[in-house]
Amino acid sequence: MNQDPTTDEPGTQPSFVDQNLNDALTAVTAEIGRTDNKASLLAFNGAVIAGLAGSADKHLPVLCLAAGGLAVLALAVSTVLLLLVVLPRLRGTDRASFPHWATCDTQQILAEMNDDRRADRIRVLSQIALPKFQGLGRAIRLSLAAVVLIVLAVLATAVA
């Protein structure tokens, strides 16, 4: 028996590679779920936009209106980014994901299962997760900028 587990082939027993592939696949799948959960900021953005829109017909100082308008714009862009985060990314051309399997018959699926495609799935899922996290980060930064603009608008109203 081979004493160096790093040289074992995936799917053989016991293998660091095999365990690491399983762990990485679980981790990347969980990361995608986390981005979708964090996109619940959509509700925050919607509530703040509604509140700001309700103040639009009032006679407010120009600085307040400008800051409030920029805040609405930032929240609107943030909302679009959050919607893109939760947008499903389906690739039917990749042989390591369910969109491909949906095009296969039972025999083709069984044949596909003869190959260890975990590394391919990790790559595909990582390519899905990375833009989701990048979009989430941008959306959060825009929401934070909107909060600063709202505070500025409130201060402009208090000073006026």
N, C-alpha and C. Protein backbone atom coordinates (compact mmCIF):
# COMPACT_ATOMS: atom_id res chain seq x y z
N MET A 1 0.84 -1.20 0.00
CA MET A 1 0.00 0.00 0.00
C MET A 1 0.88 1.25 0.00
N ASN A 2 0.48 2.24 -0.74
CA ASN A 2 1.21 3.49 -0.86
C ASN A 2 1.13 4.25 0.47
N GLN A 3 2.28 4.62 1.01
CA GLN A 3 2.32 5.33 2.28
C GLN A 3 2.17 6.84 2.14
N ASP A 4 2.29 7.37 0.94
CA ASP A 4 2.18 8.81 0.70
C ASP A 4 0.80 9.13 0.15
N PRO A 5 -0.13 9.60 1.02
CA PRO A 5 -1.50 9.83 0.58
C PRO A 5 -1.62 10.92 -0.48
N THR A 6 -0.61 11.76 -0.64
CA THR A 6 -0.72 12.83 -1.63
C THR A 6 -0.60 12.30 -3.05
N THR A 7 -0.12 11.06 -3.22
CA THR A 7 0.00 10.51 -4.56
C THR A 7 -1.18 9.63 -4.93
N ASP A 8 -2.09 9.40 -4.02
CA ASP A 8 -3.26 8.59 -4.32
C ASP A 8 -4.13 9.30 -5.35
N GLU A 9 -4.78 8.52 -6.17
CA GLU A 9 -5.72 9.06 -7.15
C GLU A 9 -7.02 9.41 -6.44
N PRO A 10 -7.72 10.46 -6.91
CA PRO A 10 -9.03 10.78 -6.34
C PRO A 10 -9.96 9.57 -6.44
N GLY A 11 -10.73 9.35 -5.41
CA GLY A 11 -11.67 8.25 -5.39
C GLY A 11 -11.10 6.97 -4.81
N THR A 12 -9.76 6.92 -4.61
CA THR A 12 -9.17 5.73 -4.00
C THR A 12 -9.15 5.91 -2.51
N GLN A 13 -8.74 4.92 -1.81
CA GLN A 13 -8.85 4.95 -0.36
C GLN A 13 -7.50 4.97 0.29
N PRO A 14 -7.27 5.53 1.41
CA PRO A 14 -7.65 6.88 1.80
C PRO A 14 -6.77 7.87 1.07
N SER A 15 -7.27 9.02 0.82
CA SER A 15 -6.53 10.00 0.04
C SER A 15 -6.77 11.40 0.56
N PHE A 16 -5.67 12.14 0.76
CA PHE A 16 -5.83 13.54 1.11
C PHE A 16 -6.51 14.28 -0.03
N VAL A 17 -6.15 13.92 -1.26
CA VAL A 17 -6.75 14.56 -2.43
C VAL A 17 -8.26 14.33 -2.42
N ASP A 18 -8.65 13.09 -2.15
CA ASP A 18 -10.08 12.75 -2.13
C ASP A 18 -10.82 13.56 -1.07
N GLN A 19 -10.28 13.61 0.13
CA GLN A 19 -10.92 14.37 1.20
C GLN A 19 -10.91 15.86 0.90
N ASN A 20 -9.80 16.37 0.37
CA ASN A 20 -9.71 17.79 0.05
C ASN A 20 -10.69 18.18 -1.06
N LEU A 21 -10.87 17.31 -2.04
CA LEU A 21 -11.86 17.59 -3.09
C LEU A 21 -13.26 17.65 -2.49
N ASN A 22 -13.58 16.72 -1.62
CA ASN A 22 -14.90 16.74 -0.96
C ASN A 22 -15.07 18.00 -0.14
N ASP A 23 -14.06 18.37 0.63
CA ASP A 23 -14.13 19.56 1.48
C ASP A 23 -14.28 20.83 0.63
N ALA A 24 -13.49 20.92 -0.44
CA ALA A 24 -13.54 22.11 -1.29
C ALA A 24 -14.90 22.23 -1.98
N LEU A 25 -15.44 21.12 -2.43
CA LEU A 25 -16.74 21.14 -3.09
C LEU A 25 -17.82 21.59 -2.11
N THR A 26 -17.77 21.10 -0.89
CA THR A 26 -18.73 21.51 0.14
C THR A 26 -18.57 23.00 0.46
N ALA A 27 -17.33 23.46 0.57
CA ALA A 27 -17.07 24.86 0.93
C ALA A 27 -17.56 25.82 -0.16
N VAL A 28 -17.26 25.52 -1.41
CA VAL A 28 -17.66 26.42 -2.48
C VAL A 28 -19.18 26.46 -2.62
N THR A 29 -19.81 25.32 -2.49
CA THR A 29 -21.28 25.27 -2.54
C THR A 29 -21.88 26.11 -1.42
N ALA A 30 -21.32 26.03 -0.23
CA ALA A 30 -21.81 26.82 0.91
C ALA A 30 -21.59 28.31 0.67
N GLU A 31 -20.48 28.69 0.05
CA GLU A 31 -20.21 30.11 -0.21
C GLU A 31 -21.27 30.70 -1.13
N ILE A 32 -21.69 29.96 -2.13
CA ILE A 32 -22.74 30.46 -3.03
C ILE A 32 -24.02 30.70 -2.24
N GLY A 33 -24.36 29.78 -1.34
CA GLY A 33 -25.54 29.96 -0.50
C GLY A 33 -25.42 31.18 0.39
N ARG A 34 -24.22 31.43 0.89
CA ARG A 34 -24.02 32.60 1.76
C ARG A 34 -24.25 33.90 1.00
N THR A 35 -23.80 33.98 -0.24
CA THR A 35 -24.02 35.23 -0.99
C THR A 35 -25.49 35.45 -1.23
N ASP A 36 -26.20 34.38 -1.53
CA ASP A 36 -27.64 34.52 -1.77
C ASP A 36 -28.35 34.97 -0.50
N ASN A 37 -27.93 34.46 0.66
CA ASN A 37 -28.53 34.89 1.93
C ASN A 37 -28.20 36.35 2.24
N LYS A 38 -26.98 36.75 1.96
CA LYS A 38 -26.59 38.13 2.24
C LYS A 38 -27.30 39.13 1.34
N ALA A 39 -27.80 38.66 0.23
CA ALA A 39 -28.52 39.55 -0.68
C ALA A 39 -29.85 39.99 -0.08
N SER A 40 -30.14 39.58 1.14
CA SER A 40 -31.35 40.05 1.83
C SER A 40 -31.29 41.56 2.08
N LEU A 41 -30.15 42.16 1.79
CA LEU A 41 -30.04 43.62 1.85
C LEU A 41 -31.04 44.28 0.90
N LEU A 42 -31.60 43.49 -0.02
CA LEU A 42 -32.61 44.02 -0.93
C LEU A 42 -33.76 44.65 -0.15
N ALA A 43 -34.17 44.01 0.93
CA ALA A 43 -35.27 44.54 1.75
C ALA A 43 -34.87 45.86 2.38
N PHE A 44 -33.65 45.96 2.88
CA PHE A 44 -33.16 47.22 3.47
C PHE A 44 -33.18 48.33 2.42
N ASN A 45 -32.63 48.03 1.24
CA ASN A 45 -32.59 49.04 0.18
C ASN A 45 -33.99 49.50 -0.19
N GLY A 46 -34.90 48.56 -0.32
CA GLY A 46 -36.27 48.90 -0.70
C GLY A 46 -36.95 49.78 0.33
N ALA A 47 -36.76 49.45 1.60
CA ALA A 47 -37.38 50.24 2.67
C ALA A 47 -36.82 51.66 2.70
N VAL A 48 -35.52 51.80 2.54
CA VAL A 48 -34.91 53.13 2.58
C VAL A 48 -35.33 53.94 1.36
N ILE A 49 -35.35 53.32 0.19
CA ILE A 49 -35.79 54.03 -1.02
C ILE A 49 -37.23 54.51 -0.83
N ALA A 50 -38.08 53.65 -0.29
CA ALA A 50 -39.49 54.05 -0.07
C ALA A 50 -39.56 55.23 0.89
N GLY A 51 -38.77 55.20 1.96
CA GLY A 51 -38.76 56.31 2.91
C GLY A 51 -38.28 57.60 2.29
N LEU A 52 -37.23 57.50 1.48
CA LEU A 52 -36.72 58.70 0.82
C LEU A 52 -37.71 59.23 -0.21
N ALA A 53 -38.34 58.33 -0.92
CA ALA A 53 -39.31 58.75 -1.93
C ALA A 53 -40.50 59.46 -1.27
N GLY A 54 -40.86 59.03 -0.07
CA GLY A 54 -41.95 59.67 0.66
C GLY A 54 -41.63 61.09 1.08
N SER A 55 -40.36 61.43 1.13
CA SER A 55 -39.95 62.79 1.51
C SER A 55 -39.75 63.71 0.31
N ALA A 56 -39.88 63.17 -0.87
CA ALA A 56 -39.54 63.93 -2.08
C ALA A 56 -40.46 65.12 -2.32
N ASP A 57 -41.69 65.06 -1.87
CA ASP A 57 -42.62 66.16 -2.17
C ASP A 57 -42.59 67.28 -1.13
N LYS A 58 -41.74 67.15 -0.16
CA LYS A 58 -41.64 68.18 0.88
C LYS A 58 -40.67 69.27 0.43
N HIS A 59 -40.86 70.47 0.99
CA HIS A 59 -39.94 71.57 0.69
C HIS A 59 -38.72 71.40 1.58
N LEU A 60 -37.63 70.96 0.96
CA LEU A 60 -36.40 70.67 1.70
C LEU A 60 -35.26 71.49 1.11
N PRO A 61 -34.21 71.71 1.91
CA PRO A 61 -33.05 72.45 1.40
C PRO A 61 -32.43 71.72 0.20
N VAL A 62 -31.80 72.48 -0.67
CA VAL A 62 -31.21 71.92 -1.89
C VAL A 62 -30.17 70.85 -1.55
N LEU A 63 -29.33 71.10 -0.53
CA LEU A 63 -28.32 70.11 -0.13
C LEU A 63 -28.99 68.81 0.30
N CYS A 64 -30.09 68.93 1.02
CA CYS A 64 -30.83 67.75 1.47
C CYS A 64 -31.37 66.97 0.26
N LEU A 65 -31.97 67.68 -0.69
CA LEU A 65 -32.52 67.04 -1.88
C LEU A 65 -31.41 66.37 -2.72
N ALA A 66 -30.28 67.07 -2.83
CA ALA A 66 -29.17 66.51 -3.62
C ALA A 66 -28.62 65.25 -2.95
N ALA A 67 -28.39 65.32 -1.64
CA ALA A 67 -27.87 64.15 -0.92
C ALA A 67 -28.88 63.00 -0.96
N GLY A 68 -30.15 63.33 -0.77
CA GLY A 68 -31.19 62.30 -0.83
C GLY A 68 -31.29 61.67 -2.21
N GLY A 69 -31.18 62.49 -3.24
CA GLY A 69 -31.22 61.96 -4.61
C GLY A 69 -30.04 61.04 -4.90
N LEU A 70 -28.85 61.45 -4.44
CA LEU A 70 -27.67 60.59 -4.62
C LEU A 70 -27.81 59.29 -3.82
N ALA A 71 -28.41 59.39 -2.64
CA ALA A 71 -28.63 58.19 -1.83
C ALA A 71 -29.57 57.22 -2.54
N VAL A 72 -30.64 57.74 -3.13
CA VAL A 72 -31.58 56.89 -3.88
C VAL A 72 -30.85 56.24 -5.06
N LEU A 73 -30.03 57.02 -5.77
CA LEU A 73 -29.28 56.48 -6.89
C LEU A 73 -28.34 55.36 -6.43
N ALA A 74 -27.61 55.59 -5.34
CA ALA A 74 -26.69 54.58 -4.81
C ALA A 74 -27.46 53.32 -4.41
N LEU A 75 -28.60 53.50 -3.76
CA LEU A 75 -29.39 52.34 -3.34
C LEU A 75 -29.99 51.61 -4.55
N ALA A 76 -30.37 52.34 -5.57
CA ALA A 76 -30.91 51.70 -6.78
C ALA A 76 -29.83 50.85 -7.45
N VAL A 77 -28.63 51.38 -7.59
CA VAL A 77 -27.53 50.61 -8.19
C VAL A 77 -27.19 49.42 -7.30
N SER A 78 -27.17 49.62 -5.99
CA SER A 78 -26.92 48.53 -5.05
C SER A 78 -27.97 47.43 -5.21
N THR A 79 -29.22 47.83 -5.38
CA THR A 79 -30.30 46.86 -5.55
C THR A 79 -30.10 46.05 -6.83
N VAL A 80 -29.71 46.71 -7.90
CA VAL A 80 -29.44 45.99 -9.15
C VAL A 80 -28.31 44.98 -8.94
N LEU A 81 -27.25 45.40 -8.27
CA LEU A 81 -26.13 44.48 -8.00
C LEU A 81 -26.58 43.29 -7.16
N LEU A 82 -27.42 43.55 -6.16
CA LEU A 82 -27.91 42.45 -5.32
C LEU A 82 -28.79 41.49 -6.12
N LEU A 83 -29.58 42.03 -7.02
CA LEU A 83 -30.39 41.16 -7.88
C LEU A 83 -29.50 40.31 -8.77
N LEU A 84 -28.41 40.87 -9.25
CA LEU A 84 -27.47 40.10 -10.06
C LEU A 84 -26.77 39.02 -9.24
N VAL A 85 -26.57 39.29 -7.94
CA VAL A 85 -25.96 38.29 -7.06
C VAL A 85 -26.84 37.04 -6.97
N VAL A 86 -28.13 37.24 -6.85
CA VAL A 86 -29.03 36.09 -6.70
C VAL A 86 -29.50 35.51 -8.03
N LEU A 87 -29.14 36.15 -9.13
CA LEU A 87 -29.51 35.65 -10.44
C LEU A 87 -28.84 34.29 -10.67
N PRO A 88 -29.61 33.27 -11.00
CA PRO A 88 -29.00 31.95 -11.25
C PRO A 88 -28.04 32.01 -12.44
N ARG A 89 -26.93 31.33 -12.30
CA ARG A 89 -25.96 31.24 -13.38
C ARG A 89 -25.91 29.79 -13.83
N LEU A 90 -26.54 29.54 -14.94
CA LEU A 90 -26.67 28.17 -15.44
C LEU A 90 -25.84 28.03 -16.71
N ARG A 91 -24.96 27.07 -16.69
CA ARG A 91 -24.12 26.79 -17.85
C ARG A 91 -24.41 25.36 -18.31
N GLY A 92 -25.01 25.21 -19.44
CA GLY A 92 -25.31 23.89 -19.95
C GLY A 92 -24.14 23.23 -20.66
N THR A 93 -23.07 23.98 -20.93
CA THR A 93 -21.95 23.44 -21.68
C THR A 93 -20.92 22.76 -20.80
N ASP A 94 -21.02 22.90 -19.52
CA ASP A 94 -20.04 22.33 -18.60
C ASP A 94 -20.50 20.94 -18.18
N ARG A 95 -19.66 19.96 -18.33
CA ARG A 95 -20.05 18.58 -18.04
C ARG A 95 -20.03 18.27 -16.54
N ALA A 96 -19.80 19.26 -15.71
CA ALA A 96 -19.67 19.01 -14.28
C ALA A 96 -20.81 19.62 -13.47
N SER A 97 -21.92 19.95 -14.12
CA SER A 97 -22.99 20.61 -13.38
C SER A 97 -24.36 20.12 -13.85
N PHE A 98 -25.36 20.40 -13.05
CA PHE A 98 -26.69 19.89 -13.34
C PHE A 98 -27.30 20.40 -14.65
N PRO A 99 -26.99 21.61 -15.13
CA PRO A 99 -27.55 21.98 -16.44
C PRO A 99 -27.13 21.02 -17.55
N HIS A 100 -25.90 20.53 -17.49
CA HIS A 100 -25.45 19.54 -18.48
C HIS A 100 -26.21 18.23 -18.27
N TRP A 101 -26.31 17.80 -17.03
CA TRP A 101 -26.98 16.52 -16.76
C TRP A 101 -28.44 16.56 -17.19
N ALA A 102 -29.05 17.74 -17.17
CA ALA A 102 -30.45 17.86 -17.59
C ALA A 102 -30.61 17.54 -19.08
N THR A 103 -29.53 17.62 -19.84
CA THR A 103 -29.60 17.31 -21.27
C THR A 103 -29.28 15.85 -21.55
N CYS A 104 -28.91 15.09 -20.53
CA CYS A 104 -28.50 13.70 -20.70
C CYS A 104 -29.65 12.74 -20.40
N ASP A 105 -29.58 11.56 -21.02
CA ASP A 105 -30.52 10.51 -20.62
C ASP A 105 -29.88 9.73 -19.47
N THR A 106 -30.60 8.79 -18.94
CA THR A 106 -30.13 8.05 -17.76
C THR A 106 -28.80 7.36 -18.02
N GLN A 107 -28.65 6.74 -19.17
CA GLN A 107 -27.40 6.03 -19.48
C GLN A 107 -26.21 7.00 -19.57
N GLN A 108 -26.44 8.17 -20.15
CA GLN A 108 -25.37 9.16 -20.24
C GLN A 108 -24.97 9.65 -18.86
N ILE A 109 -25.95 9.84 -17.99
CA ILE A 109 -25.64 10.28 -16.62
C ILE A 109 -24.82 9.22 -15.91
N LEU A 110 -25.22 7.97 -16.03
CA LEU A 110 -24.45 6.89 -15.40
C LEU A 110 -23.03 6.84 -15.95
N ALA A 111 -22.86 7.04 -17.25
CA ALA A 111 -21.53 7.06 -17.84
C ALA A 111 -20.72 8.24 -17.30
N GLU A 112 -21.37 9.41 -17.13
CA GLU A 112 -20.70 10.59 -16.59
C GLU A 112 -20.21 10.34 -15.16
N MET A 113 -20.93 9.54 -14.41
CA MET A 113 -20.59 9.28 -13.01
C MET A 113 -19.37 8.37 -12.87
N ASN A 114 -18.90 7.79 -13.97
CA ASN A 114 -17.69 6.96 -13.91
C ASN A 114 -16.43 7.79 -13.75
N ASP A 115 -16.52 9.07 -14.10
CA ASP A 115 -15.36 9.96 -13.98
C ASP A 115 -15.50 10.81 -12.73
N ASP A 116 -14.37 11.06 -12.07
CA ASP A 116 -14.36 11.94 -10.90
C ASP A 116 -14.32 13.38 -11.41
N ARG A 117 -15.43 14.08 -11.32
CA ARG A 117 -15.54 15.45 -11.84
C ARG A 117 -15.58 16.48 -10.71
N ARG A 118 -15.20 16.09 -9.50
CA ARG A 118 -15.25 17.04 -8.39
C ARG A 118 -14.37 18.26 -8.64
N ALA A 119 -13.20 18.07 -9.19
CA ALA A 119 -12.32 19.21 -9.47
C ALA A 119 -12.98 20.15 -10.48
N ASP A 120 -13.64 19.57 -11.49
CA ASP A 120 -14.36 20.40 -12.46
C ASP A 120 -15.50 21.16 -11.80
N ARG A 121 -16.23 20.48 -10.91
CA ARG A 121 -17.34 21.14 -10.22
C ARG A 121 -16.83 22.26 -9.32
N ILE A 122 -15.71 22.03 -8.65
CA ILE A 122 -15.13 23.08 -7.80
C ILE A 122 -14.78 24.30 -8.65
N ARG A 123 -14.19 24.07 -9.83
CA ARG A 123 -13.85 25.17 -10.73
C ARG A 123 -15.10 25.91 -11.17
N VAL A 124 -16.11 25.19 -11.62
CA VAL A 124 -17.35 25.81 -12.10
C VAL A 124 -18.03 26.59 -10.98
N LEU A 125 -18.17 25.98 -9.81
CA LEU A 125 -18.83 26.66 -8.70
C LEU A 125 -18.03 27.88 -8.24
N SER A 126 -16.71 27.78 -8.27
CA SER A 126 -15.87 28.93 -7.90
C SER A 126 -16.05 30.07 -8.89
N GLN A 127 -16.20 29.74 -10.17
CA GLN A 127 -16.44 30.76 -11.17
C GLN A 127 -17.82 31.41 -10.99
N ILE A 128 -18.73 30.71 -10.38
CA ILE A 128 -20.04 31.28 -10.06
C ILE A 128 -19.95 32.12 -8.79
N ALA A 129 -19.24 31.61 -7.77
CA ALA A 129 -19.18 32.27 -6.47
C ALA A 129 -18.41 33.59 -6.52
N LEU A 130 -17.32 33.65 -7.25
CA LEU A 130 -16.47 34.85 -7.25
C LEU A 130 -17.22 36.10 -7.70
N PRO A 131 -17.91 36.09 -8.85
CA PRO A 131 -18.64 37.31 -9.23
C PRO A 131 -19.78 37.64 -8.26
N LYS A 132 -20.37 36.62 -7.65
CA LYS A 132 -21.42 36.88 -6.67
C LYS A 132 -20.85 37.67 -5.49
N PHE A 133 -19.70 37.24 -4.97
CA PHE A 133 -19.09 37.96 -3.85
C PHE A 133 -18.63 39.34 -4.25
N GLN A 134 -18.10 39.49 -5.46
CA GLN A 134 -17.68 40.81 -5.92
C GLN A 134 -18.87 41.75 -6.02
N GLY A 135 -19.97 41.26 -6.57
CA GLY A 135 -21.19 42.08 -6.66
C GLY A 135 -21.74 42.42 -5.30
N LEU A 136 -21.70 41.46 -4.39
CA LEU A 136 -22.17 41.70 -3.03
C LEU A 136 -21.33 42.78 -2.35
N GLY A 137 -20.02 42.71 -2.53
CA GLY A 137 -19.15 43.74 -1.95
C GLY A 137 -19.44 45.12 -2.49
N ARG A 138 -19.64 45.22 -3.79
CA ARG A 138 -19.97 46.51 -4.40
C ARG A 138 -21.31 47.04 -3.88
N ALA A 139 -22.28 46.15 -3.79
CA ALA A 139 -23.60 46.55 -3.31
C ALA A 139 -23.54 47.05 -1.87
N ILE A 140 -22.77 46.38 -1.04
CA ILE A 140 -22.65 46.81 0.36
C ILE A 140 -21.98 48.18 0.44
N ARG A 141 -20.92 48.37 -0.35
CA ARG A 141 -20.25 49.68 -0.33
C ARG A 141 -21.19 50.79 -0.80
N LEU A 142 -21.99 50.52 -1.81
CA LEU A 142 -22.96 51.52 -2.27
C LEU A 142 -24.02 51.79 -1.21
N SER A 143 -24.48 50.76 -0.52
CA SER A 143 -25.46 50.95 0.56
C SER A 143 -24.86 51.79 1.68
N LEU A 144 -23.60 51.54 2.00
CA LEU A 144 -22.93 52.35 3.03
C LEU A 144 -22.80 53.81 2.58
N ALA A 145 -22.47 54.01 1.32
CA ALA A 145 -22.40 55.38 0.80
C ALA A 145 -23.77 56.05 0.90
N ALA A 146 -24.83 55.30 0.63
CA ALA A 146 -26.19 55.85 0.73
C ALA A 146 -26.50 56.25 2.16
N VAL A 147 -26.07 55.44 3.11
CA VAL A 147 -26.31 55.78 4.52
C VAL A 147 -25.60 57.09 4.86
N VAL A 148 -24.38 57.27 4.40
CA VAL A 148 -23.65 58.52 4.65
C VAL A 148 -24.39 59.70 4.01
N LEU A 149 -24.89 59.50 2.80
CA LEU A 149 -25.63 60.57 2.13
C LEU A 149 -26.93 60.89 2.86
N ILE A 150 -27.58 59.89 3.40
CA ILE A 150 -28.82 60.12 4.17
C ILE A 150 -28.51 60.92 5.43
N VAL A 151 -27.42 60.57 6.11
CA VAL A 151 -27.02 61.33 7.29
C VAL A 151 -26.74 62.77 6.90
N LEU A 152 -26.06 62.97 5.79
CA LEU A 152 -25.78 64.32 5.29
C LEU A 152 -27.10 65.07 5.01
N ALA A 153 -28.06 64.38 4.40
CA ALA A 153 -29.35 65.00 4.12
C ALA A 153 -30.07 65.40 5.39
N VAL A 154 -30.02 64.53 6.40
CA VAL A 154 -30.67 64.83 7.68
C VAL A 154 -29.99 66.02 8.34
N LEU A 155 -28.66 66.06 8.30
CA LEU A 155 -27.95 67.19 8.89
C LEU A 155 -28.27 68.48 8.13
N ALA A 156 -28.39 68.41 6.82
CA ALA A 156 -28.72 69.60 6.03
C ALA A 156 -30.11 70.12 6.40
N THR A 157 -31.02 69.21 6.70
CA THR A 157 -32.36 69.61 7.10
C THR A 157 -32.33 70.25 8.48
N ALA A 158 -31.54 69.69 9.38
CA ALA A 158 -31.46 70.21 10.75
C ALA A 158 -30.83 71.60 10.77
N VAL A 159 -29.87 71.84 9.90
CA VAL A 159 -29.17 73.13 9.87
C VAL A 159 -30.05 74.21 9.24
N ALA A 160 -30.86 73.81 8.28
CA ALA A 160 -31.66 74.79 7.53
C ALA A 160 -32.76 75.41 8.34
